[in-house]
C-alpha atoms as a PDB file:
ATOM      1  CA  MET A   1      12.110 -19.406  16.534  1.00  0.00           C
ATOM      2  CA  GLY A   2      14.179 -17.557  13.898  1.00  0.00           C
ATOM      3  CA  LYS A   3      12.802 -14.305  12.492  1.00  0.00           C
ATOM      4  CA  PHE A   4      12.671 -15.640   8.940  1.00  0.00           C
ATOM      5  CA  VAL A   5      10.861 -18.809  10.024  1.00  0.00           C
ATOM      6  CA  ALA A   6       8.428 -16.780  12.119  1.00  0.00           C
ATOM      7  CA  SER A   7       7.748 -14.428   9.200  1.00  0.00           C
ATOM      8  CA  TRP A   8       7.156 -17.392   6.894  1.00  0.00           C
ATOM      9  CA  GLU A   9       4.629 -18.816   9.361  1.00  0.00           C
ATOM     10  CA  LEU A  10       2.924 -15.409   9.548  1.00  0.00           C
ATOM     11  CA  VAL A  11       2.625 -15.393   5.767  1.00  0.00           C
ATOM     12  CA  GLN A  12       1.248 -18.943   5.741  1.00  0.00           C
ATOM     13  CA  THR A  13      -1.372 -18.081   8.362  1.00  0.00           C
ATOM     14  CA  SER A  14      -2.327 -14.919   6.457  1.00  0.00           C
ATOM     15  CA  LEU A  15      -2.624 -16.841   3.190  1.00  0.00           C
ATOM     16  CA  ALA A  16      -4.863 -19.406   4.899  1.00  0.00           C
ATOM     17  CA  THR A  17      -7.211 -16.595   5.920  1.00  0.00           C
ATOM     18  CA  LEU A  18      -7.108 -15.183   2.399  1.00  0.00           C
ATOM     19  CA  ALA A  19      -7.911 -18.619   0.974  1.00  0.00           C
ATOM     20  CA  SER A  20     -11.107 -18.714   3.042  1.00  0.00           C
ATOM     21  CA  ASP A  21     -12.463 -15.842   0.941  1.00  0.00           C
ATOM     22  CA  LYS A  22     -10.591 -15.464  -2.336  1.00  0.00           C
ATOM     23  CA  GLU A  23     -12.816 -12.532  -3.306  1.00  0.00           C
ATOM     24  CA  LEU A  24     -10.668 -10.361  -1.051  1.00  0.00           C
ATOM     25  CA  ILE A  25      -7.996 -10.332  -3.764  1.00  0.00           C
ATOM     26  CA  LEU A  26     -10.402  -8.230  -5.840  1.00  0.00           C
ATOM     27  CA  LEU A  27     -10.042  -5.274  -3.455  1.00  0.00           C
ATOM     28  CA  PRO A  28      -6.344  -4.549  -4.135  1.00  0.00           C
ATOM     29  CA  LEU A  29      -7.029  -5.065  -7.844  1.00  0.00           C
ATOM     30  CA  ILE A  30      -9.848  -2.521  -7.715  1.00  0.00           C
ATOM     31  CA  SER A  31      -7.765   0.075  -5.887  1.00  0.00           C
ATOM     32  CA  ALA A  32      -4.851  -0.398  -8.310  1.00  0.00           C
ATOM     33  CA  THR A  33      -7.192  -0.062 -11.296  1.00  0.00           C
ATOM     34  CA  VAL A  34      -8.719   3.146  -9.914  1.00  0.00           C
ATOM     35  CA  SER A  35      -5.254   4.601  -9.311  1.00  0.00           C
ATOM     36  CA  ILE A  36      -4.070   3.746 -12.844  1.00  0.00           C
ATOM     37  CA  LEU A  37      -7.224   5.182 -14.425  1.00  0.00           C
ATOM     38  CA  ALA A  38      -6.939   8.365 -12.361  1.00  0.00           C
ATOM     39  CA  MET A  39      -3.309   8.799 -13.391  1.00  0.00           C
ATOM     40  CA  ALA A  40      -4.171   8.232 -17.058  1.00  0.00           C
ATOM     41  CA  LEU A  41      -7.096  10.676 -17.002  1.00  0.00           C
ATOM     42  CA  LEU A  42      -5.262  13.447 -15.161  1.00  0.00           C
ATOM     43  CA  SER A  43      -2.128  13.027 -17.286  1.00  0.00           C
ATOM     44  CA  GLY A  44      -4.278  13.109 -20.401  1.00  0.00           C
ATOM     45  CA  TRP A  45      -5.997  16.270 -19.164  1.00  0.00           C
ATOM     46  CA  TYR A  46      -2.655  18.023 -18.680  1.00  0.00           C
ATOM     47  CA  MET A  47      -1.220  16.849 -22.002  1.00  0.00           C
ATOM     48  CA  ALA A  48      -4.354  17.825 -23.901  1.00  0.00           C
ATOM     49  CA  ALA A  49      -4.329  21.290 -22.332  1.00  0.00           C
ATOM     50  CA  TYR A  50      -0.649  22.056 -22.971  1.00  0.00           C
ATOM     51  CA  TRP A  51       0.409  19.722 -25.771  1.00  0.00           C
ATOM     52  CA  PRO A  52       1.958  22.418 -28.014  1.00  0.00           C
ATOM     53  CA  GLU A  53       4.237  23.566 -25.168  1.00  0.00           C
ATOM     54  CA  LEU A  54       5.068  20.019 -24.096  1.00  0.00           C
ATOM     55  CA  ARG A  55       6.229  19.166 -27.614  1.00  0.00           C
ATOM     56  CA  MET A  56       8.929  21.824 -27.260  1.00  0.00           C
ATOM     57  CA  LEU A  57      10.498  20.173 -24.216  1.00  0.00           C
ATOM     58  CA  HIS A  58      13.634  18.095 -24.338  1.00  0.00           C
ATOM     59  CA  ALA A  59      13.771  14.552 -22.949  1.00  0.00           C
ATOM     60  CA  ASN A  60      16.002  15.629 -20.041  1.00  0.00           C
ATOM     61  CA  THR A  61      13.932  18.638 -19.016  1.00  0.00           C
ATOM     62  CA  PRO A  62      13.789  18.811 -15.179  1.00  0.00           C
ATOM     63  CA  MET A  63      10.582  19.153 -13.220  1.00  0.00           C
ATOM     64  CA  THR A  64      11.244  22.854 -12.739  1.00  0.00           C
ATOM     65  CA  GLY A  65      11.155  23.343 -16.524  1.00  0.00           C
ATOM     66  CA  ILE A  66       7.715  21.813 -17.062  1.00  0.00           C
ATOM     67  CA  PRO A  67       5.146  24.438 -18.131  1.00  0.00           C
ATOM     68  CA  HIS A  68       2.280  25.468 -15.857  1.00  0.00           C
ATOM     69  CA  ARG A  69       3.728  23.752 -12.798  1.00  0.00           C
ATOM     70  CA  GLY A  70       0.978  25.175 -10.601  1.00  0.00           C
ATOM     71  CA  PHE A  71      -1.594  23.209 -12.572  1.00  0.00           C
ATOM     72  CA  VAL A  72       0.648  20.126 -12.369  1.00  0.00           C
ATOM     73  CA  TYR A  73       0.605  20.343  -8.569  1.00  0.00           C
ATOM     74  CA  VAL A  74      -3.176  20.730  -8.542  1.00  0.00           C
ATOM     75  CA  LEU A  75      -3.531  17.602 -10.665  1.00  0.00           C
ATOM     76  CA  LEU A  76      -0.937  15.800  -8.542  1.00  0.00           C
ATOM     77  CA  PHE A  77      -2.878  16.665  -5.396  1.00  0.00           C
ATOM     78  CA  ILE A  78      -6.107  15.356  -6.956  1.00  0.00           C
ATOM     79  CA  LEU A  79      -4.284  12.180  -7.982  1.00  0.00           C
ATOM     80  CA  TYR A  80      -2.942  11.702  -4.451  1.00  0.00           C
ATOM     81  CA  VAL A  81      -6.408  12.121  -2.951  1.00  0.00           C
ATOM     82  CA  ILE A  82      -7.988   9.640  -5.381  1.00  0.00           C
ATOM     83  CA  ASN A  83      -5.164   7.161  -4.911  1.00  0.00           C
ATOM     84  CA  TYR A  84      -5.157   7.332  -1.107  1.00  0.00           C
ATOM     85  CA  PHE A  85      -8.952   7.150  -0.936  1.00  0.00           C
ATOM     86  CA  ALA A  86      -9.164   4.122  -3.252  1.00  0.00           C
ATOM     87  CA  VAL A  87      -6.356   2.227  -1.529  1.00  0.00           C
ATOM     88  CA  ILE A  88      -7.512   2.935   2.027  1.00  0.00           C
ATOM     89  CA  PHE A  89     -11.187   2.328   1.226  1.00  0.00           C
ATOM     90  CA  CYS A  90     -10.425  -1.092  -0.248  1.00  0.00           C
ATOM     91  CA  ASN A  91      -7.993  -1.976   2.546  1.00  0.00           C
ATOM     92  CA  VAL A  92     -10.525  -0.995   5.215  1.00  0.00           C
ATOM     93  CA  ALA A  93     -13.046  -3.340   3.576  1.00  0.00           C
ATOM     94  CA  LEU A  94     -10.437  -6.106   3.317  1.00  0.00           C
ATOM     95  CA  MET A  95      -9.313  -5.758   6.935  1.00  0.00           C
ATOM     96  CA  ALA A  96     -12.897  -5.684   8.183  1.00  0.00           C
ATOM     97  CA  VAL A  97     -13.656  -9.003   6.509  1.00  0.00           C
ATOM     98  CA  ALA A  98     -10.330 -10.521   7.594  1.00  0.00           C
ATOM     99  CA  ASN A  99     -10.826  -9.421  11.199  1.00  0.00           C
ATOM    100  CA  ASN A 100     -14.317 -10.891  11.295  1.00  0.00           C
ATOM    101  CA  ARG A 101     -13.170 -14.194   9.794  1.00  0.00           C
ATOM    102  CA  MET A 102     -10.196 -14.489  12.122  1.00  0.00           C
ATOM    103  CA  GLY A 103     -12.612 -14.027  15.003  1.00  0.00           C
ATOM    104  CA  GLY A 104     -14.779 -16.907  13.798  1.00  0.00           C
ATOM    105  CA  GLY A 105     -17.289 -14.859  11.780  1.00  0.00           C
ATOM    106  CA  SER A 106     -18.513 -15.369   8.243  1.00  0.00           C
ATOM    107  CA  TRP A 107     -18.357 -11.913   6.684  1.00  0.00           C
ATOM    108  CA  LYS A 108     -18.109 -11.669   2.927  1.00  0.00           C
ATOM    109  CA  LEU A 109     -16.912  -8.913   0.637  1.00  0.00           C
ATOM    110  CA  ARG A 110     -20.243  -7.098   0.820  1.00  0.00           C
ATOM    111  CA  GLN A 111     -20.097  -6.592   4.585  1.00  0.00           C
ATOM    112  CA  GLY A 112     -16.558  -5.265   4.349  1.00  0.00           C
ATOM    113  CA  LEU A 113     -17.542  -2.774   1.654  1.00  0.00           C
ATOM    114  CA  GLU A 114     -20.509  -1.664   3.749  1.00  0.00           C
ATOM    115  CA  LEU A 115     -18.249  -0.919   6.711  1.00  0.00           C
ATOM    116  CA  ALA A 116     -15.811   0.967   4.470  1.00  0.00           C
ATOM    117  CA  TRP A 117     -18.719   2.976   3.056  1.00  0.00           C
ATOM    118  CA  ASP A 118     -19.752   3.910   6.594  1.00  0.00           C
ATOM    119  CA  ARG A 119     -16.193   5.227   7.101  1.00  0.00           C
ATOM    120  CA  ARG A 120     -16.081   7.070   3.756  1.00  0.00           C
ATOM    121  CA  PHE A 121     -15.944  10.600   5.202  1.00  0.00           C
ATOM    122  CA  VAL A 122     -13.129   9.746   7.624  1.00  0.00           C
ATOM    123  CA  ILE A 123     -11.271   7.950   4.832  1.00  0.00           C
ATOM    124  CA  PHE A 124     -11.670  10.993   2.577  1.00  0.00           C
ATOM    125  CA  GLN A 125     -10.367  13.294   5.314  1.00  0.00           C
ATOM    126  CA  TRP A 126      -7.342  11.059   5.764  1.00  0.00           C
ATOM    127  CA  ALA A 127      -6.785  10.975   1.986  1.00  0.00           C
ATOM    128  CA  VAL A 128      -6.746  14.786   1.907  1.00  0.00           C
ATOM    129  CA  LEU A 129      -4.312  14.939   4.844  1.00  0.00           C
ATOM    130  CA  SER A 130      -2.004  12.347   3.254  1.00  0.00           C
ATOM    131  CA  ALA A 131      -2.134  14.141  -0.100  1.00  0.00           C
ATOM    132  CA  THR A 132      -1.250  17.421   1.590  1.00  0.00           C
ATOM    133  CA  VAL A 133       1.750  15.851   3.311  1.00  0.00           C
ATOM    134  CA  GLY A 134       2.835  14.265   0.031  1.00  0.00           C
ATOM    135  CA  ILE A 135       2.622  17.569  -1.888  1.00  0.00           C
ATOM    136  CA  ILE A 136       4.517  19.459   0.828  1.00  0.00           C
ATOM    137  CA  LEU A 137       7.330  16.896   0.815  1.00  0.00           C
ATOM    138  CA  GLN A 138       7.426  17.015  -2.987  1.00  0.00           C
ATOM    139  CA  LEU A 139       7.686  20.821  -3.014  1.00  0.00           C
ATOM    140  CA  ILE A 140      10.428  20.834  -0.386  1.00  0.00           C
ATOM    141  CA  ALA A 141      12.425  18.118  -2.146  1.00  0.00           C
ATOM    142  CA  GLU A 142      12.410  20.129  -5.399  1.00  0.00           C
ATOM    143  CA  ARG A 143      13.650  23.320  -3.775  1.00  0.00           C
ATOM    144  CA  VAL A 144      16.431  22.182  -1.451  1.00  0.00           C
ATOM    145  CA  GLY A 145      19.837  20.651  -1.851  1.00  0.00           C
ATOM    146  CA  PHE A 146      21.084  17.176  -1.107  1.00  0.00           C
ATOM    147  CA  VAL A 147      20.813  17.548   2.672  1.00  0.00           C
ATOM    148  CA  GLY A 148      17.277  18.880   2.354  1.00  0.00           C
ATOM    149  CA  ARG A 149      16.252  16.000   0.101  1.00  0.00           C
ATOM    150  CA  LEU A 150      17.748  13.567   2.589  1.00  0.00           C
ATOM    151  CA  LEU A 151      15.760  15.168   5.409  1.00  0.00           C
ATOM    152  CA  THR A 152      12.515  15.023   3.425  1.00  0.00           C
ATOM    153  CA  ARG A 153      13.113  11.322   2.790  1.00  0.00           C
ATOM    154  CA  LEU A 154      13.669  10.768   6.493  1.00  0.00           C
ATOM    155  CA  VAL A 155      10.459  12.663   7.231  1.00  0.00           C
ATOM    156  CA  GLY A 156       8.675  10.531   4.650  1.00  0.00           C
ATOM    157  CA  LEU A 157      10.041   7.376   6.276  1.00  0.00           C
ATOM    158  CA  ALA A 158       8.918   8.562   9.717  1.00  0.00           C
ATOM    159  CA  TRP A 159       5.469   9.324   8.287  1.00  0.00           C
ATOM    160  CA  GLY A 160       5.254   5.843   6.798  1.00  0.00           C
ATOM    161  CA  LEU A 161       6.164   4.207  10.104  1.00  0.00           C
ATOM    162  CA  ALA A 162       3.781   6.390  12.108  1.00  0.00           C
ATOM    163  CA  THR A 163       0.927   5.487   9.753  1.00  0.00           C
ATOM    164  CA  PHE A 164       1.668   1.744   9.753  1.00  0.00           C
ATOM    165  CA  PHE A 165      -1.577   0.958  11.632  1.00  0.00           C
ATOM    166  CA  ILE A 166      -3.655   3.749  10.092  1.00  0.00           C
ATOM    167  CA  VAL A 167      -5.956   1.463   8.074  1.00  0.00           C
ATOM    168  CA  PRO A 168      -7.058  -0.788  10.975  1.00  0.00           C
ATOM    169  CA  VAL A 169      -7.409   2.310  13.166  1.00  0.00           C
ATOM    170  CA  LEU A 170      -9.702   3.920  10.588  1.00  0.00           C
ATOM    171  CA  ALA A 171     -11.564   0.637  10.130  1.00  0.00           C
ATOM    172  CA  PHE A 172     -12.166  -0.277  13.763  1.00  0.00           C
ATOM    173  CA  ASP A 173     -11.730   2.929  15.795  1.00  0.00           C
ATOM    174  CA  ASN A 174     -13.309   5.367  13.297  1.00  0.00           C
ATOM    175  CA  LEU A 175     -11.206   8.255  14.633  1.00  0.00           C
ATOM    176  CA  PRO A 176     -10.678  11.613  12.892  1.00  0.00           C
ATOM    177  CA  PRO A 177      -7.375  11.914  10.981  1.00  0.00           C
ATOM    178  CA  LEU A 178      -5.134  13.490  13.634  1.00  0.00           C
ATOM    179  CA  GLU A 179      -6.375  11.207  16.401  1.00  0.00           C
ATOM    180  CA  ALA A 180      -6.026   8.221  14.076  1.00  0.00           C
ATOM    181  CA  LEU A 181      -2.423   9.227  13.346  1.00  0.00           C
ATOM    182  CA  LYS A 182      -1.692   9.499  17.067  1.00  0.00           C
ATOM    183  CA  ARG A 183      -3.236   6.080  17.778  1.00  0.00           C
ATOM    184  CA  SER A 184      -1.352   4.468  14.882  1.00  0.00           C
ATOM    185  CA  ALA A 185       1.970   5.891  16.086  1.00  0.00           C
ATOM    186  CA  GLN A 186       1.289   4.706  19.648  1.00  0.00           C
ATOM    187  CA  LEU A 187       0.517   1.164  18.496  1.00  0.00           C
ATOM    188  CA  PHE A 188       3.585   1.126  16.279  1.00  0.00           C
ATOM    189  CA  ARG A 189       5.863   2.129  19.143  1.00  0.00           C
ATOM    190  CA  LYS A 190       4.260  -0.431  21.410  1.00  0.00           C
ATOM    191  CA  THR A 191       4.620  -3.401  19.071  1.00  0.00           C
ATOM    192  CA  TRP A 192       7.523  -2.728  16.745  1.00  0.00           C
ATOM    193  CA  GLY A 193       9.375   0.216  18.231  1.00  0.00           C
ATOM    194  CA  GLU A 194      12.934   0.434  17.010  1.00  0.00           C
ATOM    195  CA  SER A 195      12.983  -3.170  15.780  1.00  0.00           C
ATOM    196  CA  VAL A 196      10.973  -2.597  12.583  1.00  0.00           C
ATOM    197  CA  ALA A 197      13.793  -4.119  10.511  1.00  0.00           C
ATOM    198  CA  ALA A 198      12.854  -7.527  11.908  1.00  0.00           C
ATOM    199  CA  GLY A 199       9.808  -7.533   9.651  1.00  0.00           C
ATOM    200  CA  LEU A 200      11.812  -7.111   6.457  1.00  0.00           C
ATOM    201  CA  SER A 201      12.221 -10.877   6.189  1.00  0.00           C
ATOM    202  CA  CYS A 202       8.514 -11.058   5.372  1.00  0.00           C
ATOM    203  CA  SER A 203       9.090  -8.804   2.347  1.00  0.00           C
ATOM    204  CA  LEU A 204      11.974 -11.025   1.315  1.00  0.00           C
ATOM    205  CA  ILE A 205       9.642 -14.030   1.280  1.00  0.00           C
ATOM    206  CA  PHE A 206       7.503 -12.354  -1.375  1.00  0.00           C
ATOM    207  CA  MET A 207      10.456 -11.010  -3.332  1.00  0.00           C
ATOM    208  CA  LEU A 208      11.838 -14.478  -4.027  1.00  0.00           C
ATOM    209  CA  PRO A 209       8.938 -15.806  -6.175  1.00  0.00           C
ATOM    210  CA  LEU A 210       8.446 -12.361  -7.734  1.00  0.00           C
ATOM    211  CA  THR A 211      12.094 -12.258  -8.816  1.00  0.00           C
ATOM    212  CA  ALA A 212      11.904 -15.831 -10.113  1.00  0.00           C
ATOM    213  CA  GLY A 213       8.805 -14.957 -12.127  1.00  0.00           C
ATOM    214  CA  PHE A 214      10.493 -11.870 -13.570  1.00  0.00           C
ATOM    215  CA  ILE A 215      13.557 -13.896 -14.610  1.00  0.00           C
ATOM    216  CA  LEU A 216      11.383 -16.477 -16.381  1.00  0.00           C
ATOM    217  CA  TRP A 217       9.344 -13.743 -18.065  1.00  0.00           C
ATOM    218  CA  SER A 218      12.498 -11.940 -19.235  1.00  0.00           C
ATOM    219  CA  ALA A 219      13.911 -15.144 -20.696  1.00  0.00           C
ATOM    220  CA  ALA A 220      10.657 -15.834 -22.550  1.00  0.00           C
ATOM    221  CA  PHE A 221      10.472 -12.224 -23.774  1.00  0.00           C
ATOM    222  CA  LYS A 222      13.974 -12.377 -25.267  1.00  0.00           C
ATOM    223  CA  SER A 223      13.128 -15.571 -27.134  1.00  0.00           C
ATOM    224  CA  VAL A 224       9.993 -14.185 -28.796  1.00  0.00           C
ATOM    225  CA  SER A 225      10.304 -12.495 -32.177  1.00  0.00           C
ATOM    226  CA  SER A 226       6.714 -12.066 -33.364  1.00  0.00           C
ATOM    227  CA  THR A 227       4.568  -9.044 -32.544  1.00  0.00           C
ATOM    228  CA  GLU A 228       1.743 -11.287 -31.357  1.00  0.00           C
ATOM    229  CA  GLY A 229       4.079 -13.093 -28.980  1.00  0.00           C
ATOM    230  CA  VAL A 230       5.328  -9.813 -27.534  1.00  0.00           C
ATOM    231  CA  ILE A 231       1.767  -8.611 -26.957  1.00  0.00           C
ATOM    232  CA  VAL A 232       0.819 -11.879 -25.251  1.00  0.00           C
ATOM    233  CA  LEU A 233       3.886 -11.792 -23.008  1.00  0.00           C
ATOM    234  CA  LEU A 234       3.257  -8.160 -22.073  1.00  0.00           C
ATOM    235  CA  ALA A 235      -0.321  -9.058 -21.136  1.00  0.00           C
ATOM    236  CA  VAL A 236       0.871 -12.073 -19.135  1.00  0.00           C
ATOM    237  CA  GLY A 237       3.434  -9.904 -17.347  1.00  0.00           C
ATOM    238  CA  MET A 238       0.881  -7.260 -16.411  1.00  0.00           C
ATOM    239  CA  ILE A 239      -1.577  -9.884 -15.171  1.00  0.00           C
ATOM    240  CA  PHE A 240       1.147 -11.603 -13.143  1.00  0.00           C
ATOM    241  CA  VAL A 241       2.239  -8.343 -11.508  1.00  0.00           C
ATOM    242  CA  ALA A 242      -1.358  -7.309 -10.797  1.00  0.00           C
ATOM    243  CA  VAL A 243      -2.389 -10.649  -9.280  1.00  0.00           C
ATOM    244  CA  PHE A 244       0.840 -11.170  -7.362  1.00  0.00           C
ATOM    245  CA  GLY A 245       0.766  -7.599  -6.085  1.00  0.00           C
ATOM    246  CA  SER A 246      -2.834  -8.078  -4.952  1.00  0.00           C
ATOM    247  CA  VAL A 247      -1.915 -11.252  -3.066  1.00  0.00           C
ATOM    248  CA  ILE A 248       0.948  -9.418  -1.352  1.00  0.00           C
ATOM    249  CA  SER A 249      -1.296  -6.490  -0.438  1.00  0.00           C
ATOM    250  CA  ALA A 250      -4.086  -8.726   0.876  1.00  0.00           C
ATOM    251  CA  THR A 251      -1.703 -10.924   2.854  1.00  0.00           C
ATOM    252  CA  THR A 252       0.039  -7.927   4.386  1.00  0.00           C
ATOM    253  CA  SER A 253      -3.305  -6.403   5.355  1.00  0.00           C
ATOM    254  CA  ILE A 254      -4.368  -9.617   7.065  1.00  0.00           C
ATOM    255  CA  TYR A 255      -1.325  -9.911   9.295  1.00  0.00           C
ATOM    256  CA  LYS A 256      -1.556  -6.173  10.024  1.00  0.00           C
ATOM    257  CA  VAL A 257      -5.031  -6.836  11.406  1.00  0.00           C
ATOM    258  CA  ALA A 258      -3.682  -9.627  13.604  1.00  0.00           C
ATOM    259  CA  LEU A 259      -0.770  -7.472  14.732  1.00  0.00           C
ATOM    260  CA  TYR A 260      -3.142  -4.557  15.405  1.00  0.00           C
ATOM    261  CA  ASN A 261      -5.257  -6.695  17.729  1.00  0.00           C
ATOM    262  CA  TYR A 262      -2.143  -8.003  19.424  1.00  0.00           C
ATOM    263  CA  ALA A 263      -0.756  -4.477  19.887  1.00  0.00           C
ATOM    264  CA  LEU A 264      -4.065  -3.113  21.156  1.00  0.00           C
ATOM    265  CA  SER A 265      -5.051  -5.733  23.694  1.00  0.00           C
ATOM    266  CA  GLY A 266      -2.723  -8.722  23.407  1.00  0.00           C
ATOM    267  CA  ARG A 267      -5.594 -10.652  21.806  1.00  0.00           C
ATOM    268  CA  LEU A 268      -4.656 -13.493  19.454  1.00  0.00           C
ATOM    269  CA  HIS A 269      -7.024 -14.923  16.876  1.00  0.00           C
ATOM    270  CA  GLY A 270      -7.119 -16.266  13.363  1.00  0.00           C
ATOM    271  CA  GLY A 271      -4.487 -18.936  13.950  1.00  0.00           C
ATOM    272  CA  PHE A 272      -1.689 -16.516  14.860  1.00  0.00           C
ATOM    273  CA  SER A 273       0.396 -17.276  17.934  1.00  0.00           C
ATOM    274  CA  GLU A 274       2.203 -15.048  20.399  1.00  0.00           C
ATOM    275  CA  ASP A 275       5.415 -16.872  19.612  1.00  0.00           C
ATOM    276  CA  GLN A 276       5.126 -15.808  15.965  1.00  0.00           C
ATOM    277  CA  PHE A 277       4.786 -12.129  16.850  1.00  0.00           C
ATOM    278  CA  GLN A 278       7.459 -12.136  19.508  1.00  0.00           C
ATOM    279  CA  SER A 279       9.900 -13.871  17.167  1.00  0.00           C
ATOM    280  CA  ALA A 280       9.171 -11.864  14.020  1.00  0.00           C
ATOM    281  CA  PHE A 281       8.438  -8.475  15.581  1.00  0.00           C
ATOM    282  CA  VAL A 282      10.483  -7.671  18.629  1.00  0.00           C
ATOM    283  CA  PRO A 283       8.525  -5.296  20.901  1.00  0.00           C
ATOM    284  CA  LYS A 284      10.199  -2.165  22.157  1.00  0.00           C
ATOM    285  CA  ASN A 285      11.197  -2.374  25.813  1.00  0.00           C
END
């Protein structure tokens, strides 16, 4: 089975699980809304506090020229914590429901949220750890040259790969942050190893309709001349991106749950087959 075909079948199976409880799409929407509101509130706080100084800046002012950078980093850290907590909390709830349904259960959104609430302290600890890593990488990237920035990006990539399974680990193993990171990295090496690029075809599957939608939206936007039409199209575009992004997030979370179970114990459920995983994600020898 070709990798692209296998990835397409993984997406179809994940979408079938999502279709069994369409309320799950609400979770990515909630986390995205919380993140946007947090960004707006914290940005507004900073601008309100230092608006006279900000008005003096030029459009091309670098980050190092922004006034009161220490306060900016404090707000950025708070934003990271809120963002990570909201995203992981909602994904833990989503994966809990998906895992139960793929195992033949009948969990609804409420049960998933209850499990995520039980994990709230561990999720918060992980959000703080992730925010700390993010701030450190940001500080290093701003203070080093090209080679240093390249190294920080490589470190960021390694962090992303090591934390690939962090949400199901937090959801089902309930481990403290450092142990959860270790478990996630172990499962990643076991299942994907050095062949992580094989899963990129799955991203391509989602990019095709997203690109087509953007092209159609752009064509419609160029043909509209009235203010009302522009407002309507902007609203349609935002709704499309939000809904489509939520479907992508939910679908990805579902097949991560299936892959997590497969990596942990070789167990298959929810309509996924071993042939799909072995074709789409080549295990490390």
